[in-house]
Amino acid sequence: MKVLKHALTALVTVVALGACTTLSEQDRAALNAASQNAEQAKSMAQQALDTARAAQASSNSAAQSADHAAADAKAANEKADRMFQRSLRKTSSTQ
């Protein structure tokens, strides 16, 4: 009797676990939809990452161009200042 009771308990447990692990069609469809949504989200995140990297590269390039332009402007300003100072020296020496 005890053996039969243990066997019946084990059988009920196995059947209950089997019922819990068996998915309905709706559950499978929901899992498939969730999986597809996750793949789409992953793809969109990768696209966003690629776009952000391209924007960062463009920003770095623009910063380098701005640095070069600032250096060129500074050199031109210094040259103009030297020319102005030279013209002042010439006019003061001729007076």
N, C-alpha and C. Protein backbone atom coordinates (compact mmCIF):
# COMPACT_ATOMS: atom_id res chain seq x y z
N MET A 1 0.82 -1.18 0.00
CA MET A 1 0.00 0.00 0.00
C MET A 1 0.88 1.26 0.00
N LYS A 2 1.93 1.25 0.85
CA LYS A 2 2.84 2.40 0.90
C LYS A 2 3.53 2.59 -0.44
N VAL A 3 3.95 1.51 -1.06
CA VAL A 3 4.64 1.59 -2.34
C VAL A 3 3.69 2.16 -3.39
N LEU A 4 2.45 1.73 -3.37
CA LEU A 4 1.46 2.23 -4.32
C LEU A 4 1.21 3.71 -4.10
N LYS A 5 1.17 4.12 -2.83
CA LYS A 5 0.96 5.53 -2.50
C LYS A 5 2.14 6.38 -3.01
N HIS A 6 3.38 5.91 -2.81
CA HIS A 6 4.55 6.63 -3.28
C HIS A 6 4.58 6.68 -4.82
N ALA A 7 4.22 5.57 -5.44
CA ALA A 7 4.21 5.52 -6.89
C ALA A 7 3.14 6.47 -7.44
N LEU A 8 1.98 6.51 -6.80
CA LEU A 8 0.92 7.41 -7.23
C LEU A 8 1.32 8.87 -7.04
N THR A 9 1.97 9.17 -5.92
CA THR A 9 2.45 10.53 -5.66
C THR A 9 3.49 10.94 -6.72
N ALA A 10 4.39 10.03 -7.02
CA ALA A 10 5.40 10.32 -8.03
C ALA A 10 4.75 10.52 -9.39
N LEU A 11 3.77 9.70 -9.72
CA LEU A 11 3.09 9.82 -11.00
C LEU A 11 2.34 11.14 -11.10
N VAL A 12 1.65 11.52 -10.04
CA VAL A 12 0.92 12.79 -10.03
C VAL A 12 1.91 13.96 -10.19
N THR A 13 3.05 13.86 -9.52
CA THR A 13 4.07 14.92 -9.62
C THR A 13 4.59 15.03 -11.04
N VAL A 14 4.89 13.89 -11.67
CA VAL A 14 5.40 13.90 -13.05
C VAL A 14 4.35 14.46 -14.00
N VAL A 15 3.10 14.07 -13.83
CA VAL A 15 2.03 14.57 -14.70
C VAL A 15 1.84 16.07 -14.50
N ALA A 16 1.90 16.52 -13.25
CA ALA A 16 1.75 17.95 -12.97
C ALA A 16 2.90 18.75 -13.59
N LEU A 17 4.12 18.22 -13.46
CA LEU A 17 5.26 18.91 -14.08
C LEU A 17 5.14 18.92 -15.60
N GLY A 18 4.68 17.82 -16.13
CA GLY A 18 4.48 17.76 -17.58
C GLY A 18 3.43 18.75 -18.05
N ALA A 19 2.39 18.92 -17.28
CA ALA A 19 1.35 19.88 -17.63
C ALA A 19 1.88 21.31 -17.54
N CYS A 20 2.76 21.56 -16.58
CA CYS A 20 3.33 22.90 -16.44
C CYS A 20 4.30 23.22 -17.57
N THR A 21 5.00 22.24 -18.05
CA THR A 21 6.00 22.51 -19.09
C THR A 21 5.41 22.50 -20.49
N THR A 22 4.22 22.00 -20.63
CA THR A 22 3.58 21.99 -21.95
C THR A 22 2.98 23.36 -22.19
N LEU A 23 3.37 23.98 -23.29
CA LEU A 23 2.88 25.31 -23.61
C LEU A 23 1.69 25.23 -24.54
N SER A 24 0.76 26.12 -24.34
CA SER A 24 -0.37 26.19 -25.25
C SER A 24 0.08 26.90 -26.52
N GLU A 25 -0.72 26.85 -27.54
CA GLU A 25 -0.39 27.53 -28.79
C GLU A 25 -0.27 29.03 -28.57
N GLN A 26 -1.12 29.58 -27.72
CA GLN A 26 -1.06 31.02 -27.43
C GLN A 26 0.26 31.37 -26.74
N ASP A 27 0.67 30.50 -25.80
CA ASP A 27 1.94 30.75 -25.12
C ASP A 27 3.11 30.69 -26.09
N ARG A 28 3.09 29.71 -26.98
CA ARG A 28 4.16 29.60 -27.98
C ARG A 28 4.17 30.82 -28.91
N ALA A 29 2.99 31.25 -29.32
CA ALA A 29 2.89 32.42 -30.19
C ALA A 29 3.42 33.66 -29.47
N ALA A 30 3.10 33.78 -28.18
CA ALA A 30 3.58 34.93 -27.41
C ALA A 30 5.09 34.89 -27.27
N LEU A 31 5.64 33.70 -27.03
CA LEU A 31 7.10 33.58 -26.93
C LEU A 31 7.77 33.88 -28.27
N ASN A 32 7.20 33.40 -29.35
CA ASN A 32 7.76 33.69 -30.67
C ASN A 32 7.71 35.19 -30.97
N ALA A 33 6.58 35.82 -30.63
CA ALA A 33 6.46 37.27 -30.86
C ALA A 33 7.47 38.02 -30.01
N ALA A 34 7.65 37.60 -28.77
CA ALA A 34 8.62 38.26 -27.90
C ALA A 34 10.03 38.08 -28.44
N SER A 35 10.32 36.91 -28.96
CA SER A 35 11.64 36.65 -29.54
C SER A 35 11.87 37.52 -30.77
N GLN A 36 10.86 37.63 -31.62
CA GLN A 36 10.98 38.49 -32.80
C GLN A 36 11.15 39.95 -32.40
N ASN A 37 10.40 40.38 -31.41
CA ASN A 37 10.53 41.76 -30.93
C ASN A 37 11.92 42.01 -30.37
N ALA A 38 12.46 41.04 -29.68
CA ALA A 38 13.81 41.19 -29.12
C ALA A 38 14.84 41.28 -30.25
N GLU A 39 14.67 40.49 -31.29
CA GLU A 39 15.59 40.55 -32.44
C GLU A 39 15.50 41.90 -33.14
N GLN A 40 14.27 42.40 -33.29
CA GLN A 40 14.10 43.72 -33.91
C GLN A 40 14.74 44.80 -33.05
N ALA A 41 14.55 44.71 -31.75
CA ALA A 41 15.14 45.70 -30.84
C ALA A 41 16.66 45.63 -30.90
N LYS A 42 17.19 44.43 -30.98
CA LYS A 42 18.65 44.27 -31.09
C LYS A 42 19.16 44.89 -32.39
N SER A 43 18.44 44.66 -33.48
CA SER A 43 18.83 45.22 -34.76
C SER A 43 18.77 46.75 -34.73
N MET A 44 17.72 47.29 -34.14
CA MET A 44 17.60 48.74 -34.03
C MET A 44 18.69 49.33 -33.14
N ALA A 45 19.03 48.64 -32.09
CA ALA A 45 20.09 49.11 -31.21
C ALA A 45 21.43 49.11 -31.93
N GLN A 46 21.67 48.10 -32.76
CA GLN A 46 22.91 48.05 -33.53
C GLN A 46 22.96 49.19 -34.54
N GLN A 47 21.83 49.48 -35.18
CA GLN A 47 21.77 50.60 -36.12
C GLN A 47 22.03 51.92 -35.40
N ALA A 48 21.45 52.07 -34.23
CA ALA A 48 21.67 53.30 -33.45
C ALA A 48 23.13 53.43 -33.04
N LEU A 49 23.74 52.32 -32.67
CA LEU A 49 25.16 52.33 -32.31
C LEU A 49 26.02 52.72 -33.51
N ASP A 50 25.72 52.16 -34.68
CA ASP A 50 26.46 52.50 -35.88
C ASP A 50 26.31 53.98 -36.22
N THR A 51 25.09 54.50 -36.10
CA THR A 51 24.83 55.91 -36.37
C THR A 51 25.57 56.80 -35.38
N ALA A 52 25.57 56.40 -34.12
CA ALA A 52 26.28 57.18 -33.09
C ALA A 52 27.78 57.18 -33.34
N ARG A 53 28.31 56.06 -33.77
CA ARG A 53 29.75 55.99 -34.07
C ARG A 53 30.09 56.88 -35.27
N ALA A 54 29.23 56.87 -36.28
CA ALA A 54 29.46 57.73 -37.45
C ALA A 54 29.38 59.20 -37.05
N ALA A 55 28.43 59.54 -36.20
CA ALA A 55 28.30 60.92 -35.73
C ALA A 55 29.52 61.34 -34.91
N GLN A 56 30.02 60.42 -34.11
CA GLN A 56 31.21 60.72 -33.31
C GLN A 56 32.42 60.95 -34.22
N ALA A 57 32.56 60.14 -35.25
CA ALA A 57 33.67 60.32 -36.18
C ALA A 57 33.55 61.66 -36.90
N SER A 58 32.34 62.01 -37.31
CA SER A 58 32.11 63.29 -37.97
C SER A 58 32.41 64.45 -37.03
N SER A 59 32.01 64.30 -35.79
CA SER A 59 32.28 65.34 -34.79
C SER A 59 33.78 65.50 -34.56
N ASN A 60 34.48 64.40 -34.49
CA ASN A 60 35.94 64.46 -34.32
C ASN A 60 36.59 65.16 -35.50
N SER A 61 36.12 64.85 -36.70
CA SER A 61 36.66 65.48 -37.90
C SER A 61 36.38 66.98 -37.89
N ALA A 62 35.18 67.36 -37.49
CA ALA A 62 34.83 68.78 -37.42
C ALA A 62 35.67 69.50 -36.37
N ALA A 63 35.93 68.84 -35.27
CA ALA A 63 36.76 69.45 -34.22
C ALA A 63 38.19 69.66 -34.73
N GLN A 64 38.72 68.70 -35.47
CA GLN A 64 40.06 68.85 -36.03
C GLN A 64 40.10 70.00 -37.04
N SER A 65 39.07 70.10 -37.87
CA SER A 65 39.00 71.19 -38.85
C SER A 65 38.92 72.54 -38.13
N ALA A 66 38.14 72.59 -37.06
CA ALA A 66 38.03 73.83 -36.30
C ALA A 66 39.36 74.20 -35.66
N ASP A 67 40.08 73.21 -35.16
CA ASP A 67 41.41 73.47 -34.58
C ASP A 67 42.37 74.02 -35.63
N HIS A 68 42.34 73.43 -36.82
CA HIS A 68 43.21 73.90 -37.90
C HIS A 68 42.83 75.32 -38.31
N ALA A 69 41.53 75.59 -38.41
CA ALA A 69 41.07 76.93 -38.79
C ALA A 69 41.48 77.95 -37.73
N ALA A 70 41.39 77.57 -36.46
CA ALA A 70 41.79 78.48 -35.39
C ALA A 70 43.29 78.76 -35.46
N ALA A 71 44.07 77.74 -35.73
CA ALA A 71 45.52 77.93 -35.85
C ALA A 71 45.85 78.82 -37.05
N ASP A 72 45.16 78.62 -38.17
CA ASP A 72 45.38 79.46 -39.34
C ASP A 72 44.98 80.90 -39.06
N ALA A 73 43.87 81.10 -38.38
CA ALA A 73 43.41 82.45 -38.04
C ALA A 73 44.40 83.13 -37.10
N LYS A 74 44.93 82.37 -36.15
CA LYS A 74 45.90 82.94 -35.22
C LYS A 74 47.17 83.36 -35.97
N ALA A 75 47.63 82.51 -36.88
CA ALA A 75 48.83 82.84 -37.66
C ALA A 75 48.59 84.07 -38.53
N ALA A 76 47.42 84.15 -39.14
CA ALA A 76 47.10 85.31 -39.98
C ALA A 76 47.01 86.58 -39.13
N ASN A 77 46.45 86.45 -37.95
CA ASN A 77 46.34 87.60 -37.05
C ASN A 77 47.72 88.08 -36.62
N GLU A 78 48.59 87.14 -36.31
CA GLU A 78 49.96 87.50 -35.91
C GLU A 78 50.70 88.17 -37.06
N LYS A 79 50.51 87.66 -38.27
CA LYS A 79 51.16 88.24 -39.44
C LYS A 79 50.64 89.66 -39.67
N ALA A 80 49.35 89.85 -39.57
CA ALA A 80 48.76 91.18 -39.74
C ALA A 80 49.27 92.13 -38.66
N ASP A 81 49.40 91.64 -37.45
CA ASP A 81 49.91 92.47 -36.36
C ASP A 81 51.36 92.89 -36.63
N ARG A 82 52.17 91.93 -37.10
CA ARG A 82 53.57 92.26 -37.43
C ARG A 82 53.63 93.31 -38.54
N MET A 83 52.79 93.15 -39.56
CA MET A 83 52.77 94.11 -40.65
C MET A 83 52.35 95.50 -40.15
N PHE A 84 51.37 95.53 -39.27
CA PHE A 84 50.91 96.80 -38.72
C PHE A 84 52.02 97.45 -37.89
N GLN A 85 52.67 96.64 -37.05
CA GLN A 85 53.75 97.17 -36.23
C GLN A 85 54.89 97.69 -37.11
N ARG A 86 55.19 96.98 -38.19
CA ARG A 86 56.25 97.41 -39.11
C ARG A 86 55.87 98.74 -39.76
N SER A 87 54.61 98.87 -40.15
CA SER A 87 54.17 100.12 -40.78
C SER A 87 54.24 101.27 -39.78
N LEU A 88 53.96 100.98 -38.50
CA LEU A 88 54.08 102.04 -37.49
C LEU A 88 55.52 102.47 -37.31
N ARG A 89 56.44 101.52 -37.33
CA ARG A 89 57.86 101.85 -37.18
C ARG A 89 58.37 102.68 -38.35
N LYS A 90 57.88 102.34 -39.56
CA LYS A 90 58.31 103.07 -40.75
C LYS A 90 57.80 104.51 -40.71
N THR A 91 56.58 104.73 -40.32
CA THR A 91 56.04 106.08 -40.28
C THR A 91 56.66 106.89 -39.16
N SER A 92 57.00 106.26 -38.04
CA SER A 92 57.62 107.01 -36.95
C SER A 92 59.07 107.34 -37.26
N SER A 93 59.74 106.53 -38.04
CA SER A 93 61.14 106.79 -38.36
C SER A 93 61.26 107.86 -39.46
N THR A 94 60.24 108.03 -40.29
CA THR A 94 60.31 109.04 -41.35
C THR A 94 59.90 110.42 -40.85
N GLN A 95 59.34 110.51 -39.68
CA GLN A 95 58.92 111.81 -39.16
C GLN A 95 60.01 112.53 -38.47
